[in-house]
């Protein structure tokens, strides 16, 4: 970019929100009939772990990843981890 800053992406916004919002809930999931919150910081740690796992498996920028899943929180983590 002309001003020297990196372009903003979905992933950079996600991590910026995680830094800014910390333990505030990012989303909730149901366990044993109860809604359990997941904080932004915790979600970011999971996404970083998924991204690191993909790199460990040899994933490189530009490689395709298929996510076969019903709508669930793990899909979100995998999608963001792939983008990261």
PDB file of N, CA and C in Angstrom:
ATOM      1  N   UNK A   1       0.846  -1.187   0.000  1.00  0.00           N
ATOM      2  CA  UNK A   1       0.000   0.000   0.000  1.00  0.00           C
ATOM      3  C   UNK A   1       0.884   1.240   0.000  1.00  0.00           C
ATOM      4  N   UNK A   2       0.390   2.318  -0.560  1.00  0.00           N
ATOM      5  CA  UNK A   2       1.207   3.534  -0.641  1.00  0.00           C
ATOM      6  C   UNK A   2       1.642   4.076   0.718  1.00  0.00           C
ATOM      7  N   UNK A   3       0.834   3.898   1.754  1.00  0.00           N
ATOM      8  CA  UNK A   3       1.193   4.439   3.074  1.00  0.00           C
ATOM      9  C   UNK A   3       2.076   3.479   3.875  1.00  0.00           C
ATOM     10  N   UNK A   4       2.460   2.340   3.294  1.00  0.00           N
ATOM     11  CA  UNK A   4       3.363   1.405   3.957  1.00  0.00           C
ATOM     12  C   UNK A   4       2.686   0.376   4.842  1.00  0.00           C
ATOM     13  N   UNK A   5       1.381   0.479   5.035  1.00  0.00           N
ATOM     14  CA  UNK A   5       0.667  -0.493   5.858  1.00  0.00           C
ATOM     15  C   UNK A   5       0.259  -1.700   5.020  1.00  0.00           C
ATOM     16  N   UNK A   6       0.217  -2.862   5.662  1.00  0.00           N
ATOM     17  CA  UNK A   6      -0.251  -4.066   4.978  1.00  0.00           C
ATOM     18  C   UNK A   6      -1.754  -3.945   4.725  1.00  0.00           C
ATOM     19  N   UNK A   7      -2.249  -4.535   3.647  1.00  0.00           N
ATOM     20  CA  UNK A   7      -3.689  -4.463   3.383  1.00  0.00           C
ATOM     21  C   UNK A   7      -4.474  -5.191   4.464  1.00  0.00           C
ATOM     22  N   UNK A   8      -5.655  -4.681   4.737  1.00  0.00           N
ATOM     23  CA  UNK A   8      -6.519  -5.299   5.734  1.00  0.00           C
ATOM     24  C   UNK A   8      -7.209  -6.515   5.120  1.00  0.00           C
ATOM     25  N   UNK A   9      -7.253  -7.608   5.874  1.00  0.00           N
ATOM     26  CA  UNK A   9      -7.902  -8.838   5.412  1.00  0.00           C
ATOM     27  C   UNK A   9      -8.901  -9.297   6.468  1.00  0.00           C
ATOM     28  N   UNK A  10      -9.677 -10.296   6.119  1.00  0.00           N
ATOM     29  CA  UNK A  10     -10.613 -10.876   7.090  1.00  0.00           C
ATOM     30  C   UNK A  10      -9.846 -11.394   8.300  1.00  0.00           C
ATOM     31  N   UNK A  11      -8.727 -12.062   8.047  1.00  0.00           N
ATOM     32  CA  UNK A  11      -7.939 -12.637   9.142  1.00  0.00           C
ATOM     33  C   UNK A  11      -7.303 -11.544   9.991  1.00  0.00           C
ATOM     34  N   UNK A  12      -6.781 -10.489   9.364  1.00  0.00           N
ATOM     35  CA  UNK A  12      -6.179  -9.410  10.164  1.00  0.00           C
ATOM     36  C   UNK A  12      -7.240  -8.731  11.026  1.00  0.00           C
ATOM     37  N   UNK A  13      -8.455  -8.599  10.496  1.00  0.00           N
ATOM     38  CA  UNK A  13      -9.551  -8.028  11.301  1.00  0.00           C
ATOM     39  C   UNK A  13      -9.917  -8.957  12.452  1.00  0.00           C
ATOM     40  N   UNK A  14      -9.968 -10.263  12.191  1.00  0.00           N
ATOM     41  CA  UNK A  14     -10.280 -11.236  13.234  1.00  0.00           C
ATOM     42  C   UNK A  14      -9.268 -11.137  14.374  1.00  0.00           C
ATOM     43  N   UNK A  15      -7.968 -11.155  14.041  1.00  0.00           N
ATOM     44  CA  UNK A  15      -6.938 -11.091  15.082  1.00  0.00           C
ATOM     45  C   UNK A  15      -6.926  -9.723  15.781  1.00  0.00           C
ATOM     46  N   UNK A  16      -7.217  -8.657  15.061  1.00  0.00           N
ATOM     47  CA  UNK A  16      -7.310  -7.331  15.690  1.00  0.00           C
ATOM     48  C   UNK A  16      -8.460  -7.311  16.703  1.00  0.00           C
ATOM     49  N   UNK A  17      -9.588  -7.912  16.336  1.00  0.00           N
ATOM     50  CA  UNK A  17     -10.714  -8.000  17.271  1.00  0.00           C
ATOM     51  C   UNK A  17     -10.348  -8.852  18.478  1.00  0.00           C
ATOM     52  N   UNK A  18      -9.617  -9.940  18.259  1.00  0.00           N
ATOM     53  CA  UNK A  18      -9.200 -10.795  19.371  1.00  0.00           C
ATOM     54  C   UNK A  18      -8.306 -10.021  20.335  1.00  0.00           C
ATOM     55  N   UNK A  19      -7.382  -9.224  19.791  1.00  0.00           N
ATOM     56  CA  UNK A  19      -6.516  -8.403  20.641  1.00  0.00           C
ATOM     57  C   UNK A  19      -7.328  -7.367  21.408  1.00  0.00           C
ATOM     58  N   UNK A  20      -8.297  -6.771  20.735  1.00  0.00           N
ATOM     59  CA  UNK A  20      -9.073  -5.682  21.340  1.00  0.00           C
ATOM     60  C   UNK A  20     -10.117  -6.197  22.333  1.00  0.00           C
ATOM     61  N   UNK A  21     -10.747  -7.332  22.020  1.00  0.00           N
ATOM     62  CA  UNK A  21     -11.877  -7.800  22.821  1.00  0.00           C
ATOM     63  C   UNK A  21     -11.526  -8.885  23.831  1.00  0.00           C
ATOM     64  N   UNK A  22     -10.344  -9.496  23.695  1.00  0.00           N
ATOM     65  CA  UNK A  22      -9.838 -10.429  24.693  1.00  0.00           C
ATOM     66  C   UNK A  22     -10.793 -11.538  25.084  1.00  0.00           C
ATOM     67  N   UNK A  23     -11.228 -11.530  26.320  1.00  0.00           N
ATOM     68  CA  UNK A  23     -12.058 -12.609  26.863  1.00  0.00           C
ATOM     69  C   UNK A  23     -13.546 -12.434  26.564  1.00  0.00           C
ATOM     70  N   UNK A  24     -13.940 -11.312  25.976  1.00  0.00           N
ATOM     71  CA  UNK A  24     -15.364 -11.140  25.638  1.00  0.00           C
ATOM     72  C   UNK A  24     -15.777 -12.217  24.649  1.00  0.00           C
ATOM     73  N   UNK A  25     -17.026 -12.676  24.705  1.00  0.00           N
ATOM     74  CA  UNK A  25     -17.452 -13.773  23.835  1.00  0.00           C
ATOM     75  C   UNK A  25     -17.391 -13.426  22.343  1.00  0.00           C
ATOM     76  N   UNK A  26     -16.775 -14.321  21.611  1.00  0.00           N
ATOM     77  CA  UNK A  26     -16.759 -14.246  20.151  1.00  0.00           C
ATOM     78  C   UNK A  26     -17.986 -14.973  19.603  1.00  0.00           C
ATOM     79  N   UNK A  27     -18.274 -16.119  20.198  1.00  0.00           N
ATOM     80  CA  UNK A  27     -19.415 -16.926  19.801  1.00  0.00           C
ATOM     81  C   UNK A  27     -19.723 -17.911  20.932  1.00  0.00           C
ATOM     82  N   UNK A  28     -20.828 -18.617  20.788  1.00  0.00           N
ATOM     83  CA  UNK A  28     -21.252 -19.622  21.769  1.00  0.00           C
ATOM     84  C   UNK A  28     -21.496 -20.936  21.047  1.00  0.00           C
ATOM     85  N   UNK A  29     -21.374 -22.043  21.761  1.00  0.00           N
ATOM     86  CA  UNK A  29     -21.755 -23.339  21.228  1.00  0.00           C
ATOM     87  C   UNK A  29     -22.507 -24.096  22.310  1.00  0.00           C
ATOM     88  N   UNK A  30     -23.320 -25.048  21.878  1.00  0.00           N
ATOM     89  CA  UNK A  30     -24.147 -25.780  22.823  1.00  0.00           C
ATOM     90  C   UNK A  30     -23.459 -27.074  23.245  1.00  0.00           C
ATOM     91  N   UNK A  31     -23.372 -27.272  24.568  1.00  0.00           N
ATOM     92  CA  UNK A  31     -22.813 -28.498  25.155  1.00  0.00           C
ATOM     93  C   UNK A  31     -23.737 -28.927  26.281  1.00  0.00           C
ATOM     94  N   UNK A  32     -24.207 -30.165  26.197  1.00  0.00           N
ATOM     95  CA  UNK A  32     -25.098 -30.708  27.229  1.00  0.00           C
ATOM     96  C   UNK A  32     -26.286 -29.797  27.507  1.00  0.00           C
ATOM     97  N   UNK A  33     -26.851 -29.234  26.440  1.00  0.00           N
ATOM     98  CA  UNK A  33     -28.034 -28.388  26.576  1.00  0.00           C
ATOM     99  C   UNK A  33     -27.779 -26.968  27.050  1.00  0.00           C
ATOM    100  N   UNK A  34     -26.519 -26.610  27.257  1.00  0.00           N
ATOM    101  CA  UNK A  34     -26.183 -25.253  27.725  1.00  0.00           C
ATOM    102  C   UNK A  34     -25.312 -24.548  26.701  1.00  0.00           C
ATOM    103  N   UNK A  35     -25.512 -23.242  26.561  1.00  0.00           N
ATOM    104  CA  UNK A  35     -24.689 -22.442  25.663  1.00  0.00           C
ATOM    105  C   UNK A  35     -23.404 -22.050  26.382  1.00  0.00           C
ATOM    106  N   UNK A  36     -22.277 -22.373  25.758  1.00  0.00           N
ATOM    107  CA  UNK A  36     -20.958 -22.121  26.329  1.00  0.00           C
ATOM    108  C   UNK A  36     -20.280 -21.022  25.504  1.00  0.00           C
ATOM    109  N   UNK A  37     -19.833 -19.946  26.151  1.00  0.00           N
ATOM    110  CA  UNK A  37     -19.163 -18.888  25.394  1.00  0.00           C
ATOM    111  C   UNK A  37     -17.713 -19.243  25.075  1.00  0.00           C
ATOM    112  N   UNK A  38     -17.227 -18.740  23.952  1.00  0.00           N
ATOM    113  CA  UNK A  38     -15.822 -18.855  23.568  1.00  0.00           C
ATOM    114  C   UNK A  38     -15.316 -17.430  23.389  1.00  0.00           C
ATOM    115  N   UNK A  39     -14.310 -17.061  24.170  1.00  0.00           N
ATOM    116  CA  UNK A  39     -13.771 -15.707  24.097  1.00  0.00           C
ATOM    117  C   UNK A  39     -12.960 -15.485  22.825  1.00  0.00           C
ATOM    118  N   UNK A  40     -12.824 -14.225  22.459  1.00  0.00           N
ATOM    119  CA  UNK A  40     -12.055 -13.868  21.260  1.00  0.00           C
ATOM    120  C   UNK A  40     -10.627 -14.384  21.351  1.00  0.00           C
ATOM    121  N   UNK A  41      -9.994 -14.212  22.495  1.00  0.00           N
ATOM    122  CA  UNK A  41      -8.602 -14.650  22.659  1.00  0.00           C
ATOM    123  C   UNK A  41      -8.486 -16.168  22.497  1.00  0.00           C
ATOM    124  N   UNK A  42      -9.432 -16.907  23.061  1.00  0.00           N
ATOM    125  CA  UNK A  42      -9.430 -18.366  22.929  1.00  0.00           C
ATOM    126  C   UNK A  42      -9.657 -18.792  21.483  1.00  0.00           C
ATOM    127  N   UNK A  43     -10.589 -18.151  20.813  1.00  0.00           N
ATOM    128  CA  UNK A  43     -10.851 -18.470  19.406  1.00  0.00           C
ATOM    129  C   UNK A  43      -9.614 -18.193  18.561  1.00  0.00           C
ATOM    130  N   UNK A  44      -8.927 -17.085  18.822  1.00  0.00           N
ATOM    131  CA  UNK A  44      -7.713 -16.744  18.068  1.00  0.00           C
ATOM    132  C   UNK A  44      -6.623 -17.792  18.298  1.00  0.00           C
ATOM    133  N   UNK A  45      -6.515 -18.299  19.515  1.00  0.00           N
ATOM    134  CA  UNK A  45      -5.512 -19.336  19.807  1.00  0.00           C
ATOM    135  C   UNK A  45      -5.821 -20.615  19.032  1.00  0.00           C
ATOM    136  N   UNK A  46      -7.092 -20.959  18.929  1.00  0.00           N
ATOM    137  CA  UNK A  46      -7.480 -22.152  18.166  1.00  0.00           C
ATOM    138  C   UNK A  46      -7.157 -21.955  16.687  1.00  0.00           C
ATOM    139  N   UNK A  47      -7.482 -20.779  16.152  1.00  0.00           N
ATOM    140  CA  UNK A  47      -7.214 -20.488  14.741  1.00  0.00           C
ATOM    141  C   UNK A  47      -5.715 -20.536  14.465  1.00  0.00           C
ATOM    142  N   UNK A  48      -4.916 -19.979  15.362  1.00  0.00           N
ATOM    143  CA  UNK A  48      -3.452 -20.046  15.184  1.00  0.00           C
ATOM    144  C   UNK A  48      -2.963 -21.492  15.220  1.00  0.00           C
ATOM    145  N   UNK A  49      -3.544 -22.297  16.076  1.00  0.00           N
ATOM    146  CA  UNK A  49      -3.171 -23.711  16.169  1.00  0.00           C
ATOM    147  C   UNK A  49      -3.524 -24.449  14.876  1.00  0.00           C
ATOM    148  N   UNK A  50      -4.697 -24.186  14.326  1.00  0.00           N
ATOM    149  CA  UNK A  50      -5.089 -24.803  13.056  1.00  0.00           C
ATOM    150  C   UNK A  50      -4.133 -24.371  11.950  1.00  0.00           C
ATOM    151  N   UNK A  51      -3.819 -23.069  11.900  1.00  0.00           N
ATOM    152  CA  UNK A  51      -2.894 -22.561  10.878  1.00  0.00           C
ATOM    153  C   UNK A  51      -1.532 -23.232  11.001  1.00  0.00           C
ATOM    154  N   UNK A  52      -1.027 -23.362  12.219  1.00  0.00           N
ATOM    155  CA  UNK A  52       0.274 -24.010  12.442  1.00  0.00           C
ATOM    156  C   UNK A  52       0.218 -25.477  12.028  1.00  0.00           C
ATOM    157  N   UNK A  53      -0.894 -26.138  12.309  1.00  0.00           N
ATOM    158  CA  UNK A  53      -1.052 -27.537  11.911  1.00  0.00           C
ATOM    159  C   UNK A  53      -1.042 -27.701  10.403  1.00  0.00           C
ATOM    160  N   UNK A  54      -1.687 -26.783   9.696  1.00  0.00           N
ATOM    161  CA  UNK A  54      -1.677 -26.837   8.237  1.00  0.00           C
ATOM    162  C   UNK A  54      -0.264 -26.643   7.698  1.00  0.00           C
ATOM    163  N   UNK A  55       0.473 -25.702   8.276  1.00  0.00           N
ATOM    164  CA  UNK A  55       1.858 -25.481   7.862  1.00  0.00           C
ATOM    165  C   UNK A  55       2.696 -26.725   8.134  1.00  0.00           C
ATOM    166  N   UNK A  56       2.516 -27.324   9.303  1.00  0.00           N
ATOM    167  CA  UNK A  56       3.248 -28.560   9.637  1.00  0.00           C
ATOM    168  C   UNK A  56       2.950 -29.682   8.647  1.00  0.00           C
ATOM    169  N   UNK A  57       1.739 -29.674   8.085  1.00  0.00           N
ATOM    170  CA  UNK A  57       1.365 -30.693   7.099  1.00  0.00           C
ATOM    171  C   UNK A  57       1.852 -30.346   5.693  1.00  0.00           C
ATOM    172  N   UNK A  58       2.540 -29.209   5.555  1.00  0.00           N
ATOM    173  CA  UNK A  58       3.076 -28.823   4.260  1.00  0.00           C
ATOM    174  C   UNK A  58       2.227 -27.834   3.480  1.00  0.00           C
ATOM    175  N   UNK A  59       1.164 -27.327   4.082  1.00  0.00           N
ATOM    176  CA  UNK A  59       0.305 -26.348   3.418  1.00  0.00           C
ATOM    177  C   UNK A  59       1.093 -25.071   3.161  1.00  0.00           C
ATOM    178  N   UNK A  60       0.967 -24.544   1.940  1.00  0.00           N
ATOM    179  CA  UNK A  60       1.672 -23.311   1.563  1.00  0.00           C
ATOM    180  C   UNK A  60       0.671 -22.288   1.045  1.00  0.00           C
ATOM    181  N   UNK A  61       1.020 -20.994   1.079  1.00  0.00           N
ATOM    182  CA  UNK A  61       0.113 -19.973   0.525  1.00  0.00           C
ATOM    183  C   UNK A  61      -0.310 -20.333  -0.899  1.00  0.00           C
ATOM    184  N   UNK A  62      -1.589 -20.226  -1.148  1.00  0.00           N
ATOM    185  CA  UNK A  62      -2.128 -20.538  -2.463  1.00  0.00           C
ATOM    186  C   UNK A  62      -2.648 -21.957  -2.595  1.00  0.00           C
ATOM    187  N   UNK A  63      -2.270 -22.845  -1.660  1.00  0.00           N
ATOM    188  CA  UNK A  63      -2.784 -24.219  -1.692  1.00  0.00           C
ATOM    189  C   UNK A  63      -4.272 -24.223  -1.354  1.00  0.00           C
ATOM    190  N   UNK A  64      -4.995 -25.126  -1.972  1.00  0.00           N
ATOM    191  CA  UNK A  64      -6.431 -25.264  -1.702  1.00  0.00           C
ATOM    192  C   UNK A  64      -6.647 -26.181  -0.507  1.00  0.00           C
ATOM    193  N   UNK A  65      -7.685 -25.887   0.245  1.00  0.00           N
ATOM    194  CA  UNK A  65      -8.115 -26.735   1.361  1.00  0.00           C
ATOM    195  C   UNK A  65      -9.618 -26.917   1.223  1.00  0.00           C
ATOM    196  N   UNK A  66     -10.077 -28.154   1.305  1.00  0.00           N
ATOM    197  CA  UNK A  66     -11.509 -28.439   1.280  1.00  0.00           C
ATOM    198  C   UNK A  66     -11.971 -28.690   2.710  1.00  0.00           C
ATOM    199  N   UNK A  67     -13.089 -28.086   3.062  1.00  0.00           N
ATOM    200  CA  UNK A  67     -13.671 -28.298   4.388  1.00  0.00           C
ATOM    201  C   UNK A  67     -15.003 -29.008   4.185  1.00  0.00           C
ATOM    202  N   UNK A  68     -15.069 -30.257   4.604  1.00  0.00           N
ATOM    203  CA  UNK A  68     -16.305 -31.029   4.503  1.00  0.00           C
ATOM    204  C   UNK A  68     -16.917 -31.094   5.894  1.00  0.00           C
ATOM    205  N   UNK A  69     -17.949 -30.286   6.102  1.00  0.00           N
ATOM    206  CA  UNK A  69     -18.502 -30.178   7.445  1.00  0.00           C
ATOM    207  C   UNK A  69     -19.891 -29.565   7.390  1.00  0.00           C
ATOM    208  N   UNK A  70     -20.687 -29.942   8.354  1.00  0.00           N
ATOM    209  CA  UNK A  70     -21.932 -29.222   8.584  1.00  0.00           C
ATOM    210  C   UNK A  70     -21.568 -27.888   9.240  1.00  0.00           C
ATOM    211  N   UNK A  71     -22.519 -27.009   9.372  1.00  0.00           N
ATOM    212  CA  UNK A  71     -22.265 -25.735  10.028  1.00  0.00           C
ATOM    213  C   UNK A  71     -21.960 -25.989  11.500  1.00  0.00           C
ATOM    214  N   UNK A  72     -20.750 -25.631  11.899  1.00  0.00           N
ATOM    215  CA  UNK A  72     -20.309 -25.821  13.279  1.00  0.00           C
ATOM    216  C   UNK A  72     -19.099 -24.941  13.529  1.00  0.00           C
ATOM    217  N   UNK A  73     -18.742 -24.752  14.775  1.00  0.00           N
ATOM    218  CA  UNK A  73     -17.648 -23.848  15.120  1.00  0.00           C
ATOM    219  C   UNK A  73     -16.306 -24.305  14.555  1.00  0.00           C
ATOM    220  N   UNK A  74     -16.089 -25.593  14.454  1.00  0.00           N
ATOM    221  CA  UNK A  74     -14.824 -26.094  13.909  1.00  0.00           C
ATOM    222  C   UNK A  74     -14.635 -25.671  12.449  1.00  0.00           C
ATOM    223  N   UNK A  75     -15.732 -25.503  11.722  1.00  0.00           N
ATOM    224  CA  UNK A  75     -15.644 -25.016  10.346  1.00  0.00           C
ATOM    225  C   UNK A  75     -15.059 -23.611  10.361  1.00  0.00           C
ATOM    226  N   UNK A  76     -15.546 -22.775  11.241  1.00  0.00           N
ATOM    227  CA  UNK A  76     -15.034 -21.402  11.365  1.00  0.00           C
ATOM    228  C   UNK A  76     -13.537 -21.404  11.659  1.00  0.00           C
ATOM    229  N   UNK A  77     -13.115 -22.200  12.631  1.00  0.00           N
ATOM    230  CA  UNK A  77     -11.691 -22.259  12.993  1.00  0.00           C
ATOM    231  C   UNK A  77     -10.845 -22.729  11.819  1.00  0.00           C
ATOM    232  N   UNK A  78     -11.338 -23.746  11.093  1.00  0.00           N
ATOM    233  CA  UNK A  78     -10.571 -24.284   9.974  1.00  0.00           C
ATOM    234  C   UNK A  78     -10.497 -23.278   8.829  1.00  0.00           C
ATOM    235  N   UNK A  79     -11.594 -22.614   8.539  1.00  0.00           N
ATOM    236  CA  UNK A  79     -11.599 -21.610   7.469  1.00  0.00           C
ATOM    237  C   UNK A  79     -10.641 -20.478   7.785  1.00  0.00           C
ATOM    238  N   UNK A  80     -10.724 -19.915   8.981  1.00  0.00           N
ATOM    239  CA  UNK A  80      -9.821 -18.828   9.364  1.00  0.00           C
ATOM    240  C   UNK A  80      -8.374 -19.308   9.461  1.00  0.00           C
ATOM    241  N   UNK A  81      -8.169 -20.529   9.953  1.00  0.00           N
ATOM    242  CA  UNK A  81      -6.821 -21.085  10.021  1.00  0.00           C
ATOM    243  C   UNK A  81      -6.204 -21.236   8.634  1.00  0.00           C
ATOM    244  N   UNK A  82      -7.003 -21.647   7.675  1.00  0.00           N
ATOM    245  CA  UNK A  82      -6.539 -21.764   6.294  1.00  0.00           C
ATOM    246  C   UNK A  82      -6.186 -20.383   5.743  1.00  0.00           C
ATOM    247  N   UNK A  83      -7.025 -19.409   5.991  1.00  0.00           N
ATOM    248  CA  UNK A  83      -6.752 -18.049   5.496  1.00  0.00           C
ATOM    249  C   UNK A  83      -5.539 -17.438   6.172  1.00  0.00           C
ATOM    250  N   UNK A  84      -5.309 -17.832   7.433  1.00  0.00           N
ATOM    251  CA  UNK A  84      -4.152 -17.276   8.164  1.00  0.00           C
ATOM    252  C   UNK A  84      -2.863 -17.868   7.646  1.00  0.00           C
TER     253      UNK A  84
END
